[in-house]
Amino acid sequence: MKTNKSVLILLIFAFIFALAGCGGQPKSEVKRFDLMPTALMELENGGVDAVVGDSPVILEYIKNNPDSKLRAFGDDSFEKEYYGIAMRKEDTDLHKLVNEGLAKIKENGVYDKIFNKYFGDGTDYVVPESDNRLNKTYKVASDMAYAPFESISPSGEPEGFDMDLIRAIAAEMGFAVELINTNWDGIIPSLLSGASDLVISAMTITPQRQEQVTFSDPYYEATQYVVVKEDSDIKKLSDLKGKTVGVQNATTGDIAITKYLGLD
């Protein structure tokens, strides 16, 4: 009889713990989108609780869409990132050409003028057209849905910091560029297949990507930001646990928040 009572007590406690577990912390979820603007619009519409993405892109969206009523914050848990221009590993002459051009426009002040246009006081600067003295045109892939780095102007022309940067390098070194709007998921495959020769698309230099391609010297430093609605109770990174977080698929924001939430 004593044994039966002990078993009954254990069963009661197990039942109580099971009920408590049913009402525990909701599971975190990462919701992936093809484009960052789509993720941000989903946040506005209440489809996700927050979005994680590159800081300059997040801030540009909030600046250009004041009626969205969004706010953003950073966190020291997110490491600094560095953008680079991707090339095939075997194209060593092109590596040298691009790095030399990047160094020269930093030395002569052109880089600073382009930076100031997009991230400073907004003073306009028009990159001069290349004379193409090398008689060489390189195909450049970019996912042009990522302002202020790359986007399509109302007139249908590629514009943004990255677009001006690669045009400036081309003008400095004497080659021409053909800018090709390429979906993010296919951007490295386009390079490896030969459909493009360069990729400039706010692409973070990572060890995983370096297994496939070679990067130029870094040209921009960034980090990840969390963006939420102004009235959200999410104030810090840890508040994202148990929430649905939007990201652009296969970006460093996707990788960082997936790892932080323990979903990798």
C-alpha atoms as a PDB file:
ATOM      1  CA  MET A   1       0.000   0.000   0.000  1.00  0.00           C
ATOM      2  CA  LYS A   2       2.838   2.357   0.848  1.00  0.00           C
ATOM      3  CA  THR A   3       4.440   1.706  -2.544  1.00  0.00           C
ATOM      4  CA  ASN A   4       1.169   2.426  -4.344  1.00  0.00           C
ATOM      5  CA  LYS A   5       0.865   5.773  -2.555  1.00  0.00           C
ATOM      6  CA  SER A   6       4.417   6.724  -3.573  1.00  0.00           C
ATOM      7  CA  VAL A   7       3.702   5.895  -7.206  1.00  0.00           C
ATOM      8  CA  LEU A   8       0.509   7.943  -7.088  1.00  0.00           C
ATOM      9  CA  ILE A   9       2.343  10.959  -5.659  1.00  0.00           C
ATOM     10  CA  LEU A  10       5.002  10.729  -8.381  1.00  0.00           C
ATOM     11  CA  LEU A  11       2.313  10.588 -11.062  1.00  0.00           C
ATOM     12  CA  ILE A  12       0.591  13.667  -9.626  1.00  0.00           C
ATOM     13  CA  PHE A  13       3.866  15.626  -9.623  1.00  0.00           C
ATOM     14  CA  ALA A  14       4.635  14.509 -13.196  1.00  0.00           C
ATOM     15  CA  PHE A  15       1.181  15.707 -14.277  1.00  0.00           C
ATOM     16  CA  ILE A  16       1.715  19.099 -12.597  1.00  0.00           C
ATOM     17  CA  PHE A  17       5.115  19.564 -14.270  1.00  0.00           C
ATOM     18  CA  ALA A  18       3.626  18.631 -17.644  1.00  0.00           C
ATOM     19  CA  LEU A  19       0.931  21.273 -17.231  1.00  0.00           C
ATOM     20  CA  ALA A  20       3.532  23.847 -16.218  1.00  0.00           C
ATOM     21  CA  GLY A  21       5.565  23.011 -19.304  1.00  0.00           C
ATOM     22  CA  CYS A  22       2.570  23.657 -21.555  1.00  0.00           C
ATOM     23  CA  GLY A  23       2.409  27.218 -20.297  1.00  0.00           C
ATOM     24  CA  GLY A  24       6.126  27.920 -20.502  1.00  0.00           C
ATOM     25  CA  GLN A  25       8.170  30.263 -22.690  1.00  0.00           C
ATOM     26  CA  PRO A  26       6.895  30.427 -26.288  1.00  0.00           C
ATOM     27  CA  LYS A  27       9.304  29.134 -28.886  1.00  0.00           C
ATOM     28  CA  SER A  28      11.429  31.583 -30.853  1.00  0.00           C
ATOM     29  CA  GLU A  29      11.033  31.610 -34.622  1.00  0.00           C
ATOM     30  CA  VAL A  30      13.068  33.123 -37.448  1.00  0.00           C
ATOM     31  CA  LYS A  31      10.968  34.050 -40.483  1.00  0.00           C
ATOM     32  CA  ARG A  32      12.974  34.456 -43.678  1.00  0.00           C
ATOM     33  CA  PHE A  33      12.251  36.786 -46.601  1.00  0.00           C
ATOM     34  CA  ASP A  34      13.849  37.218 -50.018  1.00  0.00           C
ATOM     35  CA  LEU A  35      14.117  41.000 -49.563  1.00  0.00           C
ATOM     36  CA  MET A  36      14.772  43.203 -46.534  1.00  0.00           C
ATOM     37  CA  PRO A  37      11.992  45.710 -47.428  1.00  0.00           C
ATOM     38  CA  THR A  38       9.513  42.805 -47.446  1.00  0.00           C
ATOM     39  CA  ALA A  39      10.615  41.798 -43.940  1.00  0.00           C
ATOM     40  CA  LEU A  40      10.220  45.384 -42.710  1.00  0.00           C
ATOM     41  CA  MET A  41       6.761  45.716 -44.247  1.00  0.00           C
ATOM     42  CA  GLU A  42       5.803  42.446 -42.540  1.00  0.00           C
ATOM     43  CA  LEU A  43       6.882  44.029 -39.248  1.00  0.00           C
ATOM     44  CA  GLU A  44       4.701  47.060 -39.939  1.00  0.00           C
ATOM     45  CA  ASN A  45       1.768  44.738 -40.661  1.00  0.00           C
ATOM     46  CA  GLY A  46       2.274  42.742 -37.460  1.00  0.00           C
ATOM     47  CA  GLY A  47       3.455  39.538 -39.113  1.00  0.00           C
ATOM     48  CA  VAL A  48       6.693  39.476 -37.108  1.00  0.00           C
ATOM     49  CA  ASP A  49       7.691  40.974 -33.760  1.00  0.00           C
ATOM     50  CA  ALA A  50      11.060  42.340 -34.892  1.00  0.00           C
ATOM     51  CA  VAL A  51      13.501  42.384 -37.798  1.00  0.00           C
ATOM     52  CA  VAL A  52      17.292  42.013 -37.663  1.00  0.00           C
ATOM     53  CA  GLY A  53      19.435  43.492 -40.439  1.00  0.00           C
ATOM     54  CA  ASP A  54      22.472  45.584 -41.344  1.00  0.00           C
ATOM     55  CA  SER A  55      22.475  48.856 -39.404  1.00  0.00           C
ATOM     56  CA  PRO A  56      22.785  51.313 -42.331  1.00  0.00           C
ATOM     57  CA  VAL A  57      19.984  49.600 -44.270  1.00  0.00           C
ATOM     58  CA  ILE A  58      17.669  49.595 -41.242  1.00  0.00           C
ATOM     59  CA  LEU A  59      18.351  53.271 -40.499  1.00  0.00           C
ATOM     60  CA  GLU A  60      17.871  54.248 -44.148  1.00  0.00           C
ATOM     61  CA  TYR A  61      14.472  52.532 -44.238  1.00  0.00           C
ATOM     62  CA  ILE A  62      13.295  54.261 -41.057  1.00  0.00           C
ATOM     63  CA  LYS A  63      14.515  57.646 -42.356  1.00  0.00           C
ATOM     64  CA  ASN A  64      12.703  57.217 -45.668  1.00  0.00           C
ATOM     65  CA  ASN A  65       9.520  55.805 -44.108  1.00  0.00           C
ATOM     66  CA  PRO A  66       8.700  58.002 -41.074  1.00  0.00           C
ATOM     67  CA  ASP A  67       5.055  56.877 -41.100  1.00  0.00           C
ATOM     68  CA  SER A  68       6.166  53.302 -40.432  1.00  0.00           C
ATOM     69  CA  LYS A  69       6.628  54.233 -36.742  1.00  0.00           C
ATOM     70  CA  LEU A  70       9.610  51.949 -36.261  1.00  0.00           C
ATOM     71  CA  ARG A  71      12.632  52.274 -33.982  1.00  0.00           C
ATOM     72  CA  ALA A  72      15.975  50.471 -34.002  1.00  0.00           C
ATOM     73  CA  PHE A  73      18.704  49.575 -31.529  1.00  0.00           C
ATOM     74  CA  GLY A  74      22.021  47.757 -31.528  1.00  0.00           C
ATOM     75  CA  ASP A  75      23.599  45.322 -29.104  1.00  0.00           C
ATOM     76  CA  ASP A  76      27.202  44.539 -28.193  1.00  0.00           C
ATOM     77  CA  SER A  77      26.485  40.841 -28.813  1.00  0.00           C
ATOM     78  CA  PHE A  78      26.521  41.603 -32.530  1.00  0.00           C
ATOM     79  CA  GLU A  79      30.063  41.643 -33.870  1.00  0.00           C
ATOM     80  CA  LYS A  80      31.320  44.301 -36.270  1.00  0.00           C
ATOM     81  CA  GLU A  81      31.166  43.279 -39.916  1.00  0.00           C
ATOM     82  CA  TYR A  82      33.194  44.339 -42.921  1.00  0.00           C
ATOM     83  CA  TYR A  83      31.924  44.489 -46.495  1.00  0.00           C
ATOM     84  CA  GLY A  84      34.093  43.417 -49.411  1.00  0.00           C
ATOM     85  CA  ILE A  85      33.911  43.033 -53.194  1.00  0.00           C
ATOM     86  CA  ALA A  86      33.780  39.337 -54.120  1.00  0.00           C
ATOM     87  CA  MET A  87      35.728  37.769 -56.997  1.00  0.00           C
ATOM     88  CA  ARG A  88      36.620  34.299 -58.179  1.00  0.00           C
ATOM     89  CA  LYS A  89      39.718  32.939 -56.441  1.00  0.00           C
ATOM     90  CA  GLU A  90      41.580  32.339 -59.671  1.00  0.00           C
ATOM     91  CA  ASP A  91      41.169  35.922 -60.942  1.00  0.00           C
ATOM     92  CA  THR A  92      44.302  37.162 -59.216  1.00  0.00           C
ATOM     93  CA  ASP A  93      44.954  40.014 -61.664  1.00  0.00           C
ATOM     94  CA  LEU A  94      41.447  41.333 -61.028  1.00  0.00           C
ATOM     95  CA  HIS A  95      42.044  41.126 -57.260  1.00  0.00           C
ATOM     96  CA  LYS A  96      45.080  43.372 -57.629  1.00  0.00           C
ATOM     97  CA  LEU A  97      43.268  45.780 -59.952  1.00  0.00           C
ATOM     98  CA  VAL A  98      40.285  46.228 -57.606  1.00  0.00           C
ATOM     99  CA  ASN A  99      42.364  46.557 -54.444  1.00  0.00           C
ATOM    100  CA  GLU A 100      44.666  49.080 -56.088  1.00  0.00           C
ATOM    101  CA  GLY A 101      41.684  51.107 -57.260  1.00  0.00           C
ATOM    102  CA  LEU A 102      40.052  51.008 -53.831  1.00  0.00           C
ATOM    103  CA  ALA A 103      43.284  52.193 -52.210  1.00  0.00           C
ATOM    104  CA  LYS A 104      43.663  55.026 -54.721  1.00  0.00           C
ATOM    105  CA  ILE A 105      40.138  56.432 -54.284  1.00  0.00           C
ATOM    106  CA  LYS A 106      40.674  56.377 -50.521  1.00  0.00           C
ATOM    107  CA  GLU A 107      43.930  58.285 -50.959  1.00  0.00           C
ATOM    108  CA  ASN A 108      42.617  60.917 -53.387  1.00  0.00           C
ATOM    109  CA  GLY A 109      39.430  61.691 -51.446  1.00  0.00           C
ATOM    110  CA  VAL A 110      36.883  60.211 -53.867  1.00  0.00           C
ATOM    111  CA  TYR A 111      35.864  57.527 -51.354  1.00  0.00           C
ATOM    112  CA  ASP A 112      35.162  60.216 -48.738  1.00  0.00           C
ATOM    113  CA  LYS A 113      33.004  62.174 -51.207  1.00  0.00           C
ATOM    114  CA  ILE A 114      30.924  59.081 -51.965  1.00  0.00           C
ATOM    115  CA  PHE A 115      30.661  58.212 -48.262  1.00  0.00           C
ATOM    116  CA  ASN A 116      29.557  61.745 -47.416  1.00  0.00           C
ATOM    117  CA  LYS A 117      26.893  61.639 -50.138  1.00  0.00           C
ATOM    118  CA  TYR A 118      25.159  58.624 -48.558  1.00  0.00           C
ATOM    119  CA  PHE A 119      26.134  58.685 -44.883  1.00  0.00           C
ATOM    120  CA  GLY A 120      27.267  62.262 -44.224  1.00  0.00           C
ATOM    121  CA  ASP A 121      25.672  65.631 -44.973  1.00  0.00           C
ATOM    122  CA  GLY A 122      24.309  64.449 -48.338  1.00  0.00           C
ATOM    123  CA  THR A 123      26.435  66.687 -50.587  1.00  0.00           C
ATOM    124  CA  ASP A 124      25.965  65.327 -54.103  1.00  0.00           C
ATOM    125  CA  TYR A 125      28.890  63.817 -55.962  1.00  0.00           C
ATOM    126  CA  VAL A 126      28.786  62.410 -59.481  1.00  0.00           C
ATOM    127  CA  VAL A 127      31.378  59.747 -60.231  1.00  0.00           C
ATOM    128  CA  PRO A 128      33.145  60.475 -63.542  1.00  0.00           C
ATOM    129  CA  GLU A 129      32.662  57.952 -66.313  1.00  0.00           C
ATOM    130  CA  SER A 130      35.571  55.601 -66.970  1.00  0.00           C
ATOM    131  CA  ASP A 131      37.601  56.145 -70.137  1.00  0.00           C
ATOM    132  CA  ASN A 132      37.985  52.330 -70.348  1.00  0.00           C
ATOM    133  CA  ARG A 133      41.601  52.663 -71.425  1.00  0.00           C
ATOM    134  CA  LEU A 134      42.087  48.971 -70.590  1.00  0.00           C
ATOM    135  CA  ASN A 135      39.360  48.137 -73.133  1.00  0.00           C
ATOM    136  CA  LYS A 136      37.843  45.761 -70.583  1.00  0.00           C
ATOM    137  CA  THR A 137      34.286  45.500 -69.240  1.00  0.00           C
ATOM    138  CA  TYR A 138      33.560  43.525 -66.077  1.00  0.00           C
ATOM    139  CA  LYS A 139      30.095  42.254 -65.234  1.00  0.00           C
ATOM    140  CA  VAL A 140      29.159  43.255 -61.681  1.00  0.00           C
ATOM    141  CA  ALA A 141      26.343  41.461 -59.821  1.00  0.00           C
ATOM    142  CA  SER A 142      24.370  43.258 -57.105  1.00  0.00           C
ATOM    143  CA  ASP A 143      21.054  42.629 -55.349  1.00  0.00           C
ATOM    144  CA  MET A 144      19.585  46.073 -55.973  1.00  0.00           C
ATOM    145  CA  ALA A 145      16.993  46.125 -53.195  1.00  0.00           C
ATOM    146  CA  TYR A 146      19.247  47.242 -50.369  1.00  0.00           C
ATOM    147  CA  ALA A 147      19.312  51.035 -50.130  1.00  0.00           C
ATOM    148  CA  PRO A 148      21.435  53.013 -49.464  1.00  0.00           C
ATOM    149  CA  PHE A 149      23.982  50.559 -50.885  1.00  0.00           C
ATOM    150  CA  GLU A 150      22.238  49.401 -54.031  1.00  0.00           C
ATOM    151  CA  SER A 151      18.799  50.100 -55.460  1.00  0.00           C
ATOM    152  CA  ILE A 152      17.031  51.086 -58.657  1.00  0.00           C
ATOM    153  CA  SER A 153      16.321  54.791 -59.216  1.00  0.00           C
ATOM    154  CA  PRO A 154      12.903  56.018 -60.424  1.00  0.00           C
ATOM    155  CA  SER A 155      14.449  56.294 -63.890  1.00  0.00           C
ATOM    156  CA  GLY A 156      15.507  52.640 -63.754  1.00  0.00           C
ATOM    157  CA  GLU A 157      19.230  53.157 -63.165  1.00  0.00           C
ATOM    158  CA  PRO A 158      21.328  51.400 -60.489  1.00  0.00           C
ATOM    159  CA  GLU A 159      22.209  53.781 -57.658  1.00  0.00           C
ATOM    160  CA  GLY A 160      23.659  53.723 -54.161  1.00  0.00           C
ATOM    161  CA  PHE A 161      26.931  53.700 -52.268  1.00  0.00           C
ATOM    162  CA  ASP A 162      28.150  50.388 -53.722  1.00  0.00           C
ATOM    163  CA  MET A 163      27.202  51.408 -57.254  1.00  0.00           C
ATOM    164  CA  ASP A 164      29.143  54.661 -57.004  1.00  0.00           C
ATOM    165  CA  LEU A 165      32.055  52.880 -55.346  1.00  0.00           C
ATOM    166  CA  ILE A 166      32.565  50.309 -58.093  1.00  0.00           C
ATOM    167  CA  ARG A 167      32.111  53.010 -60.769  1.00  0.00           C
ATOM    168  CA  ALA A 168      34.783  55.097 -59.031  1.00  0.00           C
ATOM    169  CA  ILE A 169      37.212  52.167 -58.875  1.00  0.00           C
ATOM    170  CA  ALA A 170      36.549  51.483 -62.567  1.00  0.00           C
ATOM    171  CA  ALA A 171      37.138  55.134 -63.487  1.00  0.00           C
ATOM    172  CA  GLU A 172      40.360  55.234 -61.471  1.00  0.00           C
ATOM    173  CA  MET A 173      41.786  52.049 -62.962  1.00  0.00           C
ATOM    174  CA  GLY A 174      40.479  52.447 -66.529  1.00  0.00           C
ATOM    175  CA  PHE A 175      37.946  49.651 -67.011  1.00  0.00           C
ATOM    176  CA  ALA A 176      34.181  49.646 -67.578  1.00  0.00           C
ATOM    177  CA  VAL A 177      31.456  47.917 -65.554  1.00  0.00           C
ATOM    178  CA  GLU A 178      28.118  46.390 -66.487  1.00  0.00           C
ATOM    179  CA  LEU A 179      25.865  46.401 -63.423  1.00  0.00           C
ATOM    180  CA  ILE A 180      23.538  43.389 -63.253  1.00  0.00           C
ATOM    181  CA  ASN A 181      20.613  43.176 -60.807  1.00  0.00           C
ATOM    182  CA  THR A 182      20.905  39.687 -59.300  1.00  0.00           C
ATOM    183  CA  ASN A 183      18.791  37.906 -56.680  1.00  0.00           C
ATOM    184  CA  TRP A 184      20.700  37.521 -53.414  1.00  0.00           C
ATOM    185  CA  ASP A 185      20.345  33.732 -53.267  1.00  0.00           C
ATOM    186  CA  GLY A 186      21.945  33.432 -56.690  1.00  0.00           C
ATOM    187  CA  ILE A 187      24.611  36.089 -56.390  1.00  0.00           C
ATOM    188  CA  ILE A 188      27.617  33.911 -55.488  1.00  0.00           C
ATOM    189  CA  PRO A 189      26.522  31.166 -57.921  1.00  0.00           C
ATOM    190  CA  SER A 190      26.435  33.820 -60.672  1.00  0.00           C
ATOM    191  CA  LEU A 191      30.054  34.659 -59.888  1.00  0.00           C
ATOM    192  CA  LEU A 192      31.222  31.053 -59.776  1.00  0.00           C
ATOM    193  CA  SER A 193      29.425  30.190 -63.019  1.00  0.00           C
ATOM    194  CA  GLY A 194      31.000  33.109 -64.889  1.00  0.00           C
ATOM    195  CA  ALA A 195      27.751  35.024 -65.354  1.00  0.00           C
ATOM    196  CA  SER A 196      29.415  37.857 -63.425  1.00  0.00           C
ATOM    197  CA  ASP A 197      33.013  38.833 -62.697  1.00  0.00           C
ATOM    198  CA  LEU A 198      32.519  40.808 -59.486  1.00  0.00           C
ATOM    199  CA  VAL A 199      29.949  41.014 -56.714  1.00  0.00           C
ATOM    200  CA  ILE A 200      29.376  44.229 -54.788  1.00  0.00           C
ATOM    201  CA  SER A 201      26.245  44.023 -52.683  1.00  0.00           C
ATOM    202  CA  ALA A 202      26.882  45.029 -49.059  1.00  0.00           C
ATOM    203  CA  MET A 203      28.331  41.540 -48.679  1.00  0.00           C
ATOM    204  CA  THR A 204      29.973  40.782 -45.346  1.00  0.00           C
ATOM    205  CA  ILE A 205      33.323  39.035 -45.475  1.00  0.00           C
ATOM    206  CA  THR A 206      32.844  35.711 -43.654  1.00  0.00           C
ATOM    207  CA  PRO A 207      34.970  32.544 -43.404  1.00  0.00           C
ATOM    208  CA  GLN A 208      32.154  30.542 -45.005  1.00  0.00           C
ATOM    209  CA  ARG A 209      32.046  32.806 -48.063  1.00  0.00           C
ATOM    210  CA  GLN A 210      35.837  32.884 -48.258  1.00  0.00           C
ATOM    211  CA  GLU A 211      35.742  29.138 -48.862  1.00  0.00           C
ATOM    212  CA  GLN A 212      34.087  29.912 -52.226  1.00  0.00           C
ATOM    213  CA  VAL A 213      35.351  33.354 -53.253  1.00  0.00           C
ATOM    214  CA  THR A 214      38.069  35.911 -52.623  1.00  0.00           C
ATOM    215  CA  PHE A 215      37.237  39.350 -51.242  1.00  0.00           C
ATOM    216  CA  SER A 216      38.793  42.725 -51.807  1.00  0.00           C
ATOM    217  CA  ASP A 217      40.131  44.710 -48.912  1.00  0.00           C
ATOM    218  CA  PRO A 218      37.226  45.827 -46.680  1.00  0.00           C
ATOM    219  CA  TYR A 219      35.434  48.980 -47.832  1.00  0.00           C
ATOM    220  CA  TYR A 220      32.720  49.443 -45.182  1.00  0.00           C
ATOM    221  CA  GLU A 221      32.211  48.625 -41.491  1.00  0.00           C
ATOM    222  CA  ALA A 222      28.736  47.748 -40.175  1.00  0.00           C
ATOM    223  CA  THR A 223      26.884  45.791 -37.491  1.00  0.00           C
ATOM    224  CA  GLN A 224      23.430  44.320 -36.984  1.00  0.00           C
ATOM    225  CA  TYR A 225      20.446  46.276 -35.654  1.00  0.00           C
ATOM    226  CA  VAL A 226      17.105  45.158 -34.274  1.00  0.00           C
ATOM    227  CA  VAL A 227      14.085  47.097 -35.518  1.00  0.00           C
ATOM    228  CA  VAL A 228      10.679  46.997 -33.824  1.00  0.00           C
ATOM    229  CA  LYS A 229       7.507  49.066 -33.694  1.00  0.00           C
ATOM    230  CA  GLU A 230       7.790  52.234 -31.616  1.00  0.00           C
ATOM    231  CA  ASP A 231       5.312  50.925 -29.014  1.00  0.00           C
ATOM    232  CA  SER A 232       6.895  47.461 -28.774  1.00  0.00           C
ATOM    233  CA  ASP A 233       7.929  46.123 -25.366  1.00  0.00           C
ATOM    234  CA  ILE A 234      11.105  44.761 -26.980  1.00  0.00           C
ATOM    235  CA  LYS A 235      13.924  46.924 -25.603  1.00  0.00           C
ATOM    236  CA  LYS A 236      16.979  44.667 -25.767  1.00  0.00           C
ATOM    237  CA  LEU A 237      18.265  41.635 -27.610  1.00  0.00           C
ATOM    238  CA  SER A 238      17.216  39.147 -24.938  1.00  0.00           C
ATOM    239  CA  ASP A 239      13.605  40.293 -25.369  1.00  0.00           C
ATOM    240  CA  LEU A 240      13.590  38.531 -28.749  1.00  0.00           C
ATOM    241  CA  LYS A 241      13.504  35.117 -27.076  1.00  0.00           C
ATOM    242  CA  GLY A 242      10.097  33.597 -27.653  1.00  0.00           C
ATOM    243  CA  LYS A 243       9.369  36.074 -30.473  1.00  0.00           C
ATOM    244  CA  THR A 244       9.085  35.813 -34.254  1.00  0.00           C
ATOM    245  CA  VAL A 245      11.990  37.619 -35.905  1.00  0.00           C
ATOM    246  CA  GLY A 246      12.157  38.543 -39.594  1.00  0.00           C
ATOM    247  CA  VAL A 247      15.401  38.500 -41.597  1.00  0.00           C
ATOM    248  CA  GLN A 248      16.555  38.518 -45.187  1.00  0.00           C
ATOM    249  CA  ASN A 249      17.384  34.941 -46.076  1.00  0.00           C
ATOM    250  CA  ALA A 250      21.049  33.846 -45.917  1.00  0.00           C
ATOM    251  CA  THR A 251      22.353  37.223 -44.719  1.00  0.00           C
ATOM    252  CA  THR A 252      24.621  37.750 -41.723  1.00  0.00           C
ATOM    253  CA  GLY A 253      21.561  39.036 -39.823  1.00  0.00           C
ATOM    254  CA  ASP A 254      19.907  35.682 -40.451  1.00  0.00           C
ATOM    255  CA  ILE A 255      23.007  33.817 -39.273  1.00  0.00           C
ATOM    256  CA  ALA A 256      23.541  36.013 -36.187  1.00  0.00           C
ATOM    257  CA  ILE A 257      20.000  35.913 -34.788  1.00  0.00           C
ATOM    258  CA  THR A 258      19.516  32.222 -35.621  1.00  0.00           C
ATOM    259  CA  LYS A 259      22.651  31.441 -33.613  1.00  0.00           C
ATOM    260  CA  TYR A 260      21.669  33.751 -30.751  1.00  0.00           C
ATOM    261  CA  LEU A 261      18.230  32.146 -30.426  1.00  0.00           C
ATOM    262  CA  GLY A 262      19.742  28.654 -30.510  1.00  0.00           C
ATOM    263  CA  LEU A 263      17.942  27.684 -33.711  1.00  0.00           C
ATOM    264  CA  ASP A 264      20.999  26.752 -35.772  1.00  0.00           C
END
